[in-house]
Amino acid sequence: MEIKKQYGDFTKQEIFNLSQGTGELLKNQPEGLILDIDRLVILTDTKEIRGEVKEKDIMHIITTDGAIYSTESPTVQSTILQAIDFMETHNLKFSLFRSESKSGRVFMNVSLV
């Protein structure tokens, strides 16, 4: 486990607990969910599968009401990080939505509220 990006302060215990799957998966949440971000961290998880090392980035979002959401979605992560860079703060509100690609695949993303 490696911290890739961090916005806000976390204790080592919080980081460890997040790496163990604390919180709700964002993909299981209803469309229209508002994410009022207090803190967030992206952890890189490394696993060896059949002799091959695989890495994936997991974003953990702690909202102002203390809820914890996690996502592996590169689209959601990219959108949130672009908004943070542009707005020059991580204390932002996002709304979760789903769309369908031309091939019929449903994907999720967030929009700034």
PDB file of N, CA and C in Angstrom:
ATOM      1  N   MET A   1       0.853  -1.183   0.000  1.00  0.00           N
ATOM      2  CA  MET A   1       0.000   0.000   0.000  1.00  0.00           C
ATOM      3  C   MET A   1       0.894   1.240   0.000  1.00  0.00           C
ATOM      4  N   GLU A   2       0.569   2.145  -0.895  1.00  0.00           N
ATOM      5  CA  GLU A   2       1.331   3.390  -1.014  1.00  0.00           C
ATOM      6  C   GLU A   2       0.351   4.538  -1.188  1.00  0.00           C
ATOM      7  N   ILE A   3       0.630   5.663  -0.524  1.00  0.00           N
ATOM      8  CA  ILE A   3      -0.211   6.850  -0.678  1.00  0.00           C
ATOM      9  C   ILE A   3       0.223   7.563  -1.955  1.00  0.00           C
ATOM     10  N   LYS A   4      -0.702   7.669  -2.913  1.00  0.00           N
ATOM     11  CA  LYS A   4      -0.401   8.337  -4.178  1.00  0.00           C
ATOM     12  C   LYS A   4      -0.712   9.828  -4.097  1.00  0.00           C
ATOM     13  N   LYS A   5      -1.884  10.166  -3.551  1.00  0.00           N
ATOM     14  CA  LYS A   5      -2.283  11.568  -3.337  1.00  0.00           C
ATOM     15  C   LYS A   5      -3.089  11.634  -2.066  1.00  0.00           C
ATOM     16  N   GLN A   6      -2.991  12.774  -1.406  1.00  0.00           N
ATOM     17  CA  GLN A   6      -3.728  12.953  -0.156  1.00  0.00           C
ATOM     18  C   GLN A   6      -4.152  14.404  -0.022  1.00  0.00           C
ATOM     19  N   TYR A   7      -5.423  14.593   0.330  1.00  0.00           N
ATOM     20  CA  TYR A   7      -5.967  15.929   0.591  1.00  0.00           C
ATOM     21  C   TYR A   7      -6.621  15.878   1.960  1.00  0.00           C
ATOM     22  N   GLY A   8      -6.084  16.637   2.901  1.00  0.00           N
ATOM     23  CA  GLY A   8      -6.549  16.599   4.281  1.00  0.00           C
ATOM     24  C   GLY A   8      -5.644  15.686   5.092  1.00  0.00           C
ATOM     25  N   ASP A   9      -5.812  15.736   6.399  1.00  0.00           N
ATOM     26  CA  ASP A   9      -4.969  14.963   7.305  1.00  0.00           C
ATOM     27  C   ASP A   9      -5.608  13.625   7.654  1.00  0.00           C
ATOM     28  N   PHE A  10      -4.784  12.591   7.677  1.00  0.00           N
ATOM     29  CA  PHE A  10      -5.197  11.246   8.052  1.00  0.00           C
ATOM     30  C   PHE A  10      -4.198  10.694   9.057  1.00  0.00           C
ATOM     31  N   THR A  11      -4.689   9.917  10.005  1.00  0.00           N
ATOM     32  CA  THR A  11      -3.778   9.201  10.902  1.00  0.00           C
ATOM     33  C   THR A  11      -3.338   7.925  10.184  1.00  0.00           C
ATOM     34  N   LYS A  12      -2.263   7.311  10.676  1.00  0.00           N
ATOM     35  CA  LYS A  12      -1.819   6.048  10.105  1.00  0.00           C
ATOM     36  C   LYS A  12      -2.899   4.981  10.272  1.00  0.00           C
ATOM     37  N   GLN A  13      -3.605   5.020  11.379  1.00  0.00           N
ATOM     38  CA  GLN A  13      -4.677   4.059  11.626  1.00  0.00           C
ATOM     39  C   GLN A  13      -5.796   4.223  10.587  1.00  0.00           C
ATOM     40  N   GLU A  14      -6.168   5.472  10.288  1.00  0.00           N
ATOM     41  CA  GLU A  14      -7.202   5.708   9.275  1.00  0.00           C
ATOM     42  C   GLU A  14      -6.765   5.182   7.909  1.00  0.00           C
ATOM     43  N   ILE A  15      -5.522   5.462   7.524  1.00  0.00           N
ATOM     44  CA  ILE A  15      -5.009   4.988   6.238  1.00  0.00           C
ATOM     45  C   ILE A  15      -5.036   3.466   6.194  1.00  0.00           C
ATOM     46  N   PHE A  16      -4.585   2.822   7.264  1.00  0.00           N
ATOM     47  CA  PHE A  16      -4.597   1.361   7.309  1.00  0.00           C
ATOM     48  C   PHE A  16      -6.017   0.825   7.176  1.00  0.00           C
ATOM     49  N   ASN A  17      -6.947   1.391   7.954  1.00  0.00           N
ATOM     50  CA  ASN A  17      -8.334   0.920   7.895  1.00  0.00           C
ATOM     51  C   ASN A  17      -8.937   1.119   6.504  1.00  0.00           C
ATOM     52  N   LEU A  18      -8.640   2.246   5.869  1.00  0.00           N
ATOM     53  CA  LEU A  18      -9.132   2.473   4.512  1.00  0.00           C
ATOM     54  C   LEU A  18      -8.581   1.416   3.554  1.00  0.00           C
ATOM     55  N   SER A  19      -7.318   1.061   3.724  1.00  0.00           N
ATOM     56  CA  SER A  19      -6.702   0.067   2.844  1.00  0.00           C
ATOM     57  C   SER A  19      -7.309  -1.319   3.027  1.00  0.00           C
ATOM     58  N   GLN A  20      -8.000  -1.535   4.133  1.00  0.00           N
ATOM     59  CA  GLN A  20      -8.623  -2.825   4.412  1.00  0.00           C
ATOM     60  C   GLN A  20     -10.083  -2.880   3.979  1.00  0.00           C
ATOM     61  N   GLY A  21     -10.542  -1.846   3.297  1.00  0.00           N
ATOM     62  CA  GLY A  21     -11.884  -1.881   2.725  1.00  0.00           C
ATOM     63  C   GLY A  21     -12.951  -1.207   3.561  1.00  0.00           C
ATOM     64  N   THR A  22     -12.572  -0.310   4.450  1.00  0.00           N
ATOM     65  CA  THR A  22     -13.542   0.432   5.237  1.00  0.00           C
ATOM     66  C   THR A  22     -14.362   1.314   4.303  1.00  0.00           C
ATOM     67  N   GLY A  23     -15.654   1.348   4.486  1.00  0.00           N
ATOM     68  CA  GLY A  23     -16.503   2.245   3.703  1.00  0.00           C
ATOM     69  C   GLY A  23     -17.340   1.526   2.670  1.00  0.00           C
ATOM     70  N   GLU A  24     -18.118   2.326   1.951  1.00  0.00           N
ATOM     71  CA  GLU A  24     -19.046   1.831   0.935  1.00  0.00           C
ATOM     72  C   GLU A  24     -18.434   1.994  -0.453  1.00  0.00           C
ATOM     73  N   LEU A  25     -18.740   1.045  -1.342  1.00  0.00           N
ATOM     74  CA  LEU A  25     -18.295   1.171  -2.724  1.00  0.00           C
ATOM     75  C   LEU A  25     -19.169   2.194  -3.439  1.00  0.00           C
ATOM     76  N   LEU A  26     -18.526   3.152  -4.091  1.00  0.00           N
ATOM     77  CA  LEU A  26     -19.262   4.208  -4.785  1.00  0.00           C
ATOM     78  C   LEU A  26     -20.148   3.627  -5.889  1.00  0.00           C
ATOM     79  N   LYS A  27     -19.695   2.546  -6.536  1.00  0.00           N
ATOM     80  CA  LYS A  27     -20.467   1.966  -7.644  1.00  0.00           C
ATOM     81  C   LYS A  27     -21.810   1.401  -7.185  1.00  0.00           C
ATOM     82  N   ASN A  28     -21.958   1.143  -5.884  1.00  0.00           N
ATOM     83  CA  ASN A  28     -23.219   0.609  -5.360  1.00  0.00           C
ATOM     84  C   ASN A  28     -24.163   1.693  -4.842  1.00  0.00           C
ATOM     85  N   GLN A  29     -23.792   2.952  -5.017  1.00  0.00           N
ATOM     86  CA  GLN A  29     -24.579   4.064  -4.493  1.00  0.00           C
ATOM     87  C   GLN A  29     -25.560   4.575  -5.546  1.00  0.00           C
ATOM     88  N   PRO A  30     -26.645   5.192  -5.096  1.00  0.00           N
ATOM     89  CA  PRO A  30     -27.654   5.666  -6.043  1.00  0.00           C
ATOM     90  C   PRO A  30     -27.194   6.901  -6.823  1.00  0.00           C
ATOM     91  N   GLU A  31     -27.704   6.997  -8.032  1.00  0.00           N
ATOM     92  CA  GLU A  31     -27.454   8.181  -8.849  1.00  0.00           C
ATOM     93  C   GLU A  31     -28.012   9.394  -8.102  1.00  0.00           C
ATOM     94  N   GLY A  32     -27.297  10.499  -8.146  1.00  0.00           N
ATOM     95  CA  GLY A  32     -27.734  11.710  -7.456  1.00  0.00           C
ATOM     96  C   GLY A  32     -27.128  11.870  -6.074  1.00  0.00           C
ATOM     97  N   LEU A  33     -26.396  10.846  -5.603  1.00  0.00           N
ATOM     98  CA  LEU A  33     -25.719  10.953  -4.306  1.00  0.00           C
ATOM     99  C   LEU A  33     -24.812  12.177  -4.312  1.00  0.00           C
ATOM    100  N   ILE A  34     -24.885  12.981  -3.258  1.00  0.00           N
ATOM    101  CA  ILE A  34     -24.018  14.153  -3.131  1.00  0.00           C
ATOM    102  C   ILE A  34     -22.819  13.788  -2.268  1.00  0.00           C
ATOM    103  N   LEU A  35     -21.639  14.022  -2.809  1.00  0.00           N
ATOM    104  CA  LEU A  35     -20.384  13.804  -2.094  1.00  0.00           C
ATOM    105  C   LEU A  35     -19.837  15.163  -1.687  1.00  0.00           C
ATOM    106  N   ASP A  36     -20.013  15.522  -0.423  1.00  0.00           N
ATOM    107  CA  ASP A  36     -19.488  16.777   0.118  1.00  0.00           C
ATOM    108  C   ASP A  36     -18.144  16.435   0.749  1.00  0.00           C
ATOM    109  N   ILE A  37     -17.068  16.594  -0.012  1.00  0.00           N
ATOM    110  CA  ILE A  37     -15.753  16.081   0.377  1.00  0.00           C
ATOM    111  C   ILE A  37     -15.123  16.887   1.507  1.00  0.00           C
ATOM    112  N   ASP A  38     -14.731  16.150   2.544  1.00  0.00           N
ATOM    113  CA  ASP A  38     -13.945  16.714   3.645  1.00  0.00           C
ATOM    114  C   ASP A  38     -12.470  16.375   3.434  1.00  0.00           C
ATOM    115  N   ARG A  39     -12.208  15.097   3.176  1.00  0.00           N
ATOM    116  CA  ARG A  39     -10.835  14.624   2.947  1.00  0.00           C
ATOM    117  C   ARG A  39     -10.882  13.509   1.909  1.00  0.00           C
ATOM    118  N   LEU A  40      -9.747  13.290   1.241  1.00  0.00           N
ATOM    119  CA  LEU A  40      -9.655  12.133   0.359  1.00  0.00           C
ATOM    120  C   LEU A  40      -8.213  11.704   0.213  1.00  0.00           C
ATOM    121  N   VAL A  41      -8.058  10.428  -0.096  1.00  0.00           N
ATOM    122  CA  VAL A  41      -6.731   9.867  -0.301  1.00  0.00           C
ATOM    123  C   VAL A  41      -6.833   8.810  -1.403  1.00  0.00           C
ATOM    124  N   ILE A  42      -5.781   8.731  -2.207  1.00  0.00           N
ATOM    125  CA  ILE A  42      -5.692   7.678  -3.213  1.00  0.00           C
ATOM    126  C   ILE A  42      -4.562   6.756  -2.787  1.00  0.00           C
ATOM    127  N   LEU A  43      -4.916   5.490  -2.606  1.00  0.00           N
ATOM    128  CA  LEU A  43      -3.936   4.472  -2.225  1.00  0.00           C
ATOM    129  C   LEU A  43      -3.701   3.559  -3.415  1.00  0.00           C
ATOM    130  N   THR A  44      -2.437   3.232  -3.664  1.00  0.00           N
ATOM    131  CA  THR A  44      -2.100   2.280  -4.707  1.00  0.00           C
ATOM    132  C   THR A  44      -1.969   0.915  -4.048  1.00  0.00           C
ATOM    133  N   ASP A  45      -2.817   0.002  -4.495  1.00  0.00           N
ATOM    134  CA  ASP A  45      -2.831  -1.358  -3.974  1.00  0.00           C
ATOM    135  C   ASP A  45      -2.039  -2.236  -4.941  1.00  0.00           C
ATOM    136  N   THR A  46      -1.081  -2.993  -4.421  1.00  0.00           N
ATOM    137  CA  THR A  46      -0.252  -3.865  -5.241  1.00  0.00           C
ATOM    138  C   THR A  46      -0.494  -5.311  -4.825  1.00  0.00           C
ATOM    139  N   LYS A  47      -0.824  -6.146  -5.803  1.00  0.00           N
ATOM    140  CA  LYS A  47      -1.036  -7.571  -5.548  1.00  0.00           C
ATOM    141  C   LYS A  47      -0.335  -8.381  -6.626  1.00  0.00           C
ATOM    142  N   GLU A  48       0.112  -9.559  -6.223  1.00  0.00           N
ATOM    143  CA  GLU A  48       0.701 -10.475  -7.190  1.00  0.00           C
ATOM    144  C   GLU A  48      -0.354 -11.525  -7.537  1.00  0.00           C
ATOM    145  N   ILE A  49      -0.665 -11.610  -8.822  1.00  0.00           N
ATOM    146  CA  ILE A  49      -1.658 -12.573  -9.301  1.00  0.00           C
ATOM    147  C   ILE A  49      -0.986 -13.451 -10.353  1.00  0.00           C
ATOM    148  N   ARG A  50      -0.900 -14.740 -10.040  1.00  0.00           N
ATOM    149  CA  ARG A  50      -0.264 -15.719 -10.924  1.00  0.00           C
ATOM    150  C   ARG A  50       1.115 -15.265 -11.382  1.00  0.00           C
ATOM    151  N   GLY A  51       1.903 -14.763 -10.443  1.00  0.00           N
ATOM    152  CA  GLY A  51       3.265 -14.352 -10.739  1.00  0.00           C
ATOM    153  C   GLY A  51       3.408 -12.981 -11.370  1.00  0.00           C
ATOM    154  N   GLU A  52       2.282 -12.312 -11.640  1.00  0.00           N
ATOM    155  CA  GLU A  52       2.319 -10.981 -12.252  1.00  0.00           C
ATOM    156  C   GLU A  52       1.883  -9.934 -11.226  1.00  0.00           C
ATOM    157  N   VAL A  53       2.665  -8.869 -11.107  1.00  0.00           N
ATOM    158  CA  VAL A  53       2.352  -7.804 -10.163  1.00  0.00           C
ATOM    159  C   VAL A  53       1.336  -6.858 -10.790  1.00  0.00           C
ATOM    160  N   LYS A  54       0.227  -6.659 -10.085  1.00  0.00           N
ATOM    161  CA  LYS A  54      -0.839  -5.762 -10.556  1.00  0.00           C
ATOM    162  C   LYS A  54      -0.997  -4.615  -9.568  1.00  0.00           C
ATOM    163  N   GLU A  55      -1.129  -3.399 -10.099  1.00  0.00           N
ATOM    164  CA  GLU A  55      -1.357  -2.220  -9.266  1.00  0.00           C
ATOM    165  C   GLU A  55      -2.684  -1.585  -9.651  1.00  0.00           C
ATOM    166  N   LYS A  56      -3.413  -1.104  -8.645  1.00  0.00           N
ATOM    167  CA  LYS A  56      -4.634  -0.346  -8.922  1.00  0.00           C
ATOM    168  C   LYS A  56      -4.740   0.772  -7.895  1.00  0.00           C
ATOM    169  N   ASP A  57      -5.227   1.910  -8.372  1.00  0.00           N
ATOM    170  CA  ASP A  57      -5.433   3.065  -7.506  1.00  0.00           C
ATOM    171  C   ASP A  57      -6.863   3.048  -6.991  1.00  0.00           C
ATOM    172  N   ILE A  58      -7.006   3.212  -5.693  1.00  0.00           N
ATOM    173  CA  ILE A  58      -8.321   3.262  -5.070  1.00  0.00           C
ATOM    174  C   ILE A  58      -8.451   4.598  -4.344  1.00  0.00           C
ATOM    175  N   MET A  59      -9.481   5.370  -4.735  1.00  0.00           N
ATOM    176  CA  MET A  59      -9.748   6.657  -4.094  1.00  0.00           C
ATOM    177  C   MET A  59     -10.723   6.430  -2.943  1.00  0.00           C
ATOM    178  N   HIS A  60     -10.348   6.947  -1.775  1.00  0.00           N
ATOM    179  CA  HIS A  60     -11.202   6.879  -0.589  1.00  0.00           C
ATOM    180  C   HIS A  60     -11.627   8.304  -0.246  1.00  0.00           C
ATOM    181  N   ILE A  61     -12.940   8.516  -0.197  1.00  0.00           N
ATOM    182  CA  ILE A  61     -13.513   9.841   0.044  1.00  0.00           C
ATOM    183  C   ILE A  61     -14.193   9.842   1.400  1.00  0.00           C
ATOM    184  N   ILE A  62     -13.832  10.797   2.256  1.00  0.00           N
ATOM    185  CA  ILE A  62     -14.519  10.992   3.531  1.00  0.00           C
ATOM    186  C   ILE A  62     -15.323  12.275   3.383  1.00  0.00           C
ATOM    187  N   THR A  63     -16.631  12.164   3.571  1.00  0.00           N
ATOM    188  CA  THR A  63     -17.506  13.326   3.410  1.00  0.00           C
ATOM    189  C   THR A  63     -17.625  14.095   4.724  1.00  0.00           C
ATOM    190  N   THR A  64     -18.211  15.279   4.649  1.00  0.00           N
ATOM    191  CA  THR A  64     -18.328  16.136   5.836  1.00  0.00           C
ATOM    192  C   THR A  64     -19.204  15.518   6.916  1.00  0.00           C
ATOM    193  N   ASP A  65     -20.074  14.571   6.540  1.00  0.00           N
ATOM    194  CA  ASP A  65     -20.907  13.905   7.552  1.00  0.00           C
ATOM    195  C   ASP A  65     -20.264  12.609   8.059  1.00  0.00           C
ATOM    196  N   GLY A  66     -19.012  12.338   7.645  1.00  0.00           N
ATOM    197  CA  GLY A  66     -18.267  11.189   8.143  1.00  0.00           C
ATOM    198  C   GLY A  66     -18.430   9.913   7.347  1.00  0.00           C
ATOM    199  N   ALA A  67     -19.239   9.933   6.286  1.00  0.00           N
ATOM    200  CA  ALA A  67     -19.395   8.740   5.448  1.00  0.00           C
ATOM    201  C   ALA A  67     -18.112   8.499   4.661  1.00  0.00           C
ATOM    202  N   ILE A  68     -17.844   7.225   4.360  1.00  0.00           N
ATOM    203  CA  ILE A  68     -16.648   6.848   3.615  1.00  0.00           C
ATOM    204  C   ILE A  68     -17.071   6.106   2.359  1.00  0.00           C
ATOM    205  N   TYR A  69     -16.572   6.560   1.211  1.00  0.00           N
ATOM    206  CA  TYR A  69     -16.852   5.929  -0.069  1.00  0.00           C
ATOM    207  C   TYR A  69     -15.526   5.630  -0.767  1.00  0.00           C
ATOM    208  N   SER A  70     -15.472   4.508  -1.458  1.00  0.00           N
ATOM    209  CA  SER A  70     -14.260   4.115  -2.183  1.00  0.00           C
ATOM    210  C   SER A  70     -14.607   3.814  -3.632  1.00  0.00           C
ATOM    211  N   THR A  71     -13.654   4.122  -4.526  1.00  0.00           N
ATOM    212  CA  THR A  71     -13.856   3.830  -5.943  1.00  0.00           C
ATOM    213  C   THR A  71     -12.535   3.520  -6.627  1.00  0.00           C
ATOM    214  N   GLU A  72     -12.595   2.545  -7.537  1.00  0.00           N
ATOM    215  CA  GLU A  72     -11.466   2.226  -8.407  1.00  0.00           C
ATOM    216  C   GLU A  72     -11.628   2.910  -9.758  1.00  0.00           C
ATOM    217  N   SER A  73     -12.769   3.535 -10.003  1.00  0.00           N
ATOM    218  CA  SER A  73     -13.077   4.104 -11.311  1.00  0.00           C
ATOM    219  C   SER A  73     -12.067   5.181 -11.715  1.00  0.00           C
ATOM    220  N   PRO A  74     -11.309   4.937 -12.797  1.00  0.00           N
ATOM    221  CA  PRO A  74     -10.371   5.962 -13.257  1.00  0.00           C
ATOM    222  C   PRO A  74     -11.089   7.231 -13.713  1.00  0.00           C
ATOM    223  N   THR A  75     -12.315   7.078 -14.246  1.00  0.00           N
ATOM    224  CA  THR A  75     -13.082   8.242 -14.703  1.00  0.00           C
ATOM    225  C   THR A  75     -13.450   9.144 -13.539  1.00  0.00           C
ATOM    226  N   VAL A  76     -13.992   8.554 -12.476  1.00  0.00           N
ATOM    227  CA  VAL A  76     -14.371   9.335 -11.288  1.00  0.00           C
ATOM    228  C   VAL A  76     -13.134   9.974 -10.667  1.00  0.00           C
ATOM    229  N   GLN A  77     -12.067   9.212 -10.534  1.00  0.00           N
ATOM    230  CA  GLN A  77     -10.851   9.749  -9.931  1.00  0.00           C
ATOM    231  C   GLN A  77     -10.308  10.923 -10.735  1.00  0.00           C
ATOM    232  N   SER A  78     -10.264  10.770 -12.043  1.00  0.00           N
ATOM    233  CA  SER A  78      -9.757  11.832 -12.906  1.00  0.00           C
ATOM    234  C   SER A  78     -10.608  13.095 -12.802  1.00  0.00           C
ATOM    235  N   THR A  79     -11.936  12.936 -12.831  1.00  0.00           N
ATOM    236  CA  THR A  79     -12.834  14.089 -12.752  1.00  0.00           C
ATOM    237  C   THR A  79     -12.640  14.837 -11.433  1.00  0.00           C
ATOM    238  N   ILE A  80     -12.595  14.110 -10.335  1.00  0.00           N
ATOM    239  CA  ILE A  80     -12.433  14.753  -9.019  1.00  0.00           C
ATOM    240  C   ILE A  80     -11.088  15.462  -8.933  1.00  0.00           C
ATOM    241  N   LEU A  81     -10.012  14.822  -9.394  1.00  0.00           N
ATOM    242  CA  LEU A  81      -8.686  15.447  -9.321  1.00  0.00           C
ATOM    243  C   LEU A  81      -8.591  16.682 -10.225  1.00  0.00           C
ATOM    244  N   GLN A  82      -9.217  16.630 -11.403  1.00  0.00           N
ATOM    245  CA  GLN A  82      -9.228  17.807 -12.283  1.00  0.00           C
ATOM    246  C   GLN A  82      -9.965  18.970 -11.625  1.00  0.00           C
ATOM    247  N   ALA A  83     -11.085  18.674 -10.973  1.00  0.00           N
ATOM    248  CA  ALA A  83     -11.857  19.729 -10.292  1.00  0.00           C
ATOM    249  C   ALA A  83     -11.062  20.318  -9.139  1.00  0.00           C
ATOM    250  N   ILE A  84     -10.377  19.479  -8.373  1.00  0.00           N
ATOM    251  CA  ILE A  84      -9.563  19.962  -7.249  1.00  0.00           C
ATOM    252  C   ILE A  84      -8.466  20.890  -7.769  1.00  0.00           C
ATOM    253  N   ASP A  85      -7.784  20.471  -8.839  1.00  0.00           N
ATOM    254  CA  ASP A  85      -6.724  21.313  -9.414  1.00  0.00           C
ATOM    255  C   ASP A  85      -7.280  22.641  -9.923  1.00  0.00           C
ATOM    256  N   PHE A  86      -8.407  22.590 -10.626  1.00  0.00           N
ATOM    257  CA  PHE A  86      -8.979  23.803 -11.210  1.00  0.00           C
ATOM    258  C   PHE A  86      -9.527  24.743 -10.137  1.00  0.00           C
ATOM    259  N   MET A  87     -10.234  24.192  -9.160  1.00  0.00           N
ATOM    260  CA  MET A  87     -10.871  25.008  -8.124  1.00  0.00           C
ATOM    261  C   MET A  87      -9.902  25.392  -6.997  1.00  0.00           C
ATOM    262  N   GLU A  88      -8.727  24.751  -6.974  1.00  0.00           N
ATOM    263  CA  GLU A  88      -7.674  25.006  -5.985  1.00  0.00           C
ATOM    264  C   GLU A  88      -8.126  24.741  -4.554  1.00  0.00           C
ATOM    265  N   THR A  89      -8.995  23.738  -4.381  1.00  0.00           N
ATOM    266  CA  THR A  89      -9.416  23.275  -3.061  1.00  0.00           C
ATOM    267  C   THR A  89      -9.967  21.863  -3.221  1.00  0.00           C
ATOM    268  N   HIS A  90      -9.899  21.096  -2.139  1.00  0.00           N
ATOM    269  CA  HIS A  90     -10.480  19.748  -2.184  1.00  0.00           C
ATOM    270  C   HIS A  90     -11.847  19.698  -1.496  1.00  0.00           C
ATOM    271  N   ASN A  91     -12.227  20.783  -0.846  1.00  0.00           N
ATOM    272  CA  ASN A  91     -13.527  20.832  -0.169  1.00  0.00           C
ATOM    273  C   ASN A  91     -14.611  21.208  -1.177  1.00  0.00           C
ATOM    274  N   LEU A  92     -15.021  20.221  -1.959  1.00  0.00           N
ATOM    275  CA  LEU A  92     -15.974  20.425  -3.042  1.00  0.00           C
ATOM    276  C   LEU A  92     -17.145  19.460  -2.904  1.00  0.00           C
ATOM    277  N   LYS A  93     -18.238  19.763  -3.606  1.00  0.00           N
ATOM    278  CA  LYS A  93     -19.414  18.888  -3.635  1.00  0.00           C
ATOM    279  C   LYS A  93     -19.571  18.342  -5.042  1.00  0.00           C
ATOM    280  N   PHE A  94     -19.811  17.036  -5.121  1.00  0.00           N
ATOM    281  CA  PHE A  94     -20.026  16.359  -6.391  1.00  0.00           C
ATOM    282  C   PHE A  94     -21.323  15.573  -6.331  1.00  0.00           C
ATOM    283  N   SER A  95     -21.938  15.396  -7.487  1.00  0.00           N
ATOM    284  CA  SER A  95     -23.132  14.566  -7.619  1.00  0.00           C
ATOM    285  C   SER A  95     -22.777  13.368  -8.496  1.00  0.00           C
ATOM    286  N   LEU A  96     -23.157  12.174  -8.051  1.00  0.00           N
ATOM    287  CA  LEU A  96     -22.885  10.945  -8.785  1.00  0.00           C
ATOM    288  C   LEU A  96     -23.926  10.755  -9.898  1.00  0.00           C
ATOM    289  N   PHE A  97     -23.468  10.409 -11.097  1.00  0.00           N
ATOM    290  CA  PHE A  97     -24.397  10.098 -12.180  1.00  0.00           C
ATOM    291  C   PHE A  97     -23.867   8.928 -12.996  1.00  0.00           C
ATOM    292  N   ARG A  98     -24.743   8.340 -13.786  1.00  0.00           N
ATOM    293  CA  ARG A  98     -24.381   7.240 -14.669  1.00  0.00           C
ATOM    294  C   ARG A  98     -24.770   7.610 -16.098  1.00  0.00           C
ATOM    295  N   SER A  99     -23.954   7.125 -17.030  1.00  0.00           N
ATOM    296  CA  SER A  99     -24.218   7.336 -18.454  1.00  0.00           C
ATOM    297  C   SER A  99     -23.974   6.026 -19.183  1.00  0.00           C
ATOM    298  N   GLU A 100     -24.423   5.980 -20.421  1.00  0.00           N
ATOM    299  CA  GLU A 100     -24.210   4.793 -21.236  1.00  0.00           C
ATOM    300  C   GLU A 100     -23.318   5.159 -22.414  1.00  0.00           C
ATOM    301  N   SER A 101     -22.305   4.340 -22.644  1.00  0.00           N
ATOM    302  CA  SER A 101     -21.407   4.580 -23.771  1.00  0.00           C
ATOM    303  C   SER A 101     -22.092   4.167 -25.075  1.00  0.00           C
ATOM    304  N   LYS A 102     -21.480   4.506 -26.198  1.00  0.00           N
ATOM    305  CA  LYS A 102     -22.033   4.145 -27.502  1.00  0.00           C
ATOM    306  C   LYS A 102     -22.157   2.634 -27.659  1.00  0.00           C
ATOM    307  N   SER A 103     -21.269   1.902 -26.968  1.00  0.00           N
ATOM    308  CA  SER A 103     -21.305   0.432 -27.061  1.00  0.00           C
ATOM    309  C   SER A 103     -22.315  -0.180 -26.083  1.00  0.00           C
ATOM    310  N   GLY A 104     -22.984   0.686 -25.282  1.00  0.00           N
ATOM    311  CA  GLY A 104     -24.003   0.193 -24.361  1.00  0.00           C
ATOM    312  C   GLY A 104     -23.513  -0.079 -22.953  1.00  0.00           C
ATOM    313  N   ARG A 105     -22.246   0.192 -22.690  1.00  0.00           N
ATOM    314  CA  ARG A 105     -21.688  -0.019 -21.364  1.00  0.00           C
ATOM    315  C   ARG A 105     -22.080   1.144 -20.452  1.00  0.00           C
ATOM    316  N   VAL A 106     -22.553   0.823 -19.252  1.00  0.00           N
ATOM    317  CA  VAL A 106     -22.929   1.856 -18.285  1.00  0.00           C
ATOM    318  C   VAL A 106     -21.706   2.187 -17.439  1.00  0.00           C
ATOM    319  N   PHE A 107     -21.414   3.464 -17.294  1.00  0.00           N
ATOM    320  CA  PHE A 107     -20.303   3.893 -16.462  1.00  0.00           C
ATOM    321  C   PHE A 107     -20.771   5.019 -15.548  1.00  0.00           C
ATOM    322  N   MET A 108     -20.011   5.245 -14.494  1.00  0.00           N
ATOM    323  CA  MET A 108     -20.373   6.317 -13.554  1.00  0.00           C
ATOM    324  C   MET A 108     -19.325   7.410 -13.615  1.00  0.00           C
ATOM    325  N   ASN A 109     -19.780   8.603 -13.224  1.00  0.00           N
ATOM    326  CA  ASN A 109     -18.898   9.757 -13.108  1.00  0.00           C
ATOM    327  C   ASN A 109     -19.545  10.707 -12.111  1.00  0.00           C
ATOM    328  N   VAL A 110     -18.897  11.811 -11.869  1.00  0.00           N
ATOM    329  CA  VAL A 110     -19.426  12.820 -10.944  1.00  0.00           C
ATOM    330  C   VAL A 110     -19.385  14.164 -11.633  1.00  0.00           C
ATOM    331  N   SER A 111     -20.266  15.061 -11.176  1.00  0.00           N
ATOM    332  CA  SER A 111     -20.234  16.437 -11.665  1.00  0.00           C
ATOM    333  C   SER A 111     -20.162  17.361 -10.460  1.00  0.00           C
ATOM    334  N   LEU A 112     -19.488  18.461 -10.636  1.00  0.00           N
ATOM    335  CA  LEU A 112     -19.340  19.459  -9.578  1.00  0.00           C
ATOM    336  C   LEU A 112     -20.691  20.138  -9.342  1.00  0.00           C
ATOM    337  N   VAL A 113     -21.061  20.275  -8.080  1.00  0.00           N
ATOM    338  CA  VAL A 113     -22.336  20.908  -7.745  1.00  0.00           C
ATOM    339  C   VAL A 113     -22.083  22.303  -7.199  1.00  0.00           C
TER     340      VAL A 113
END
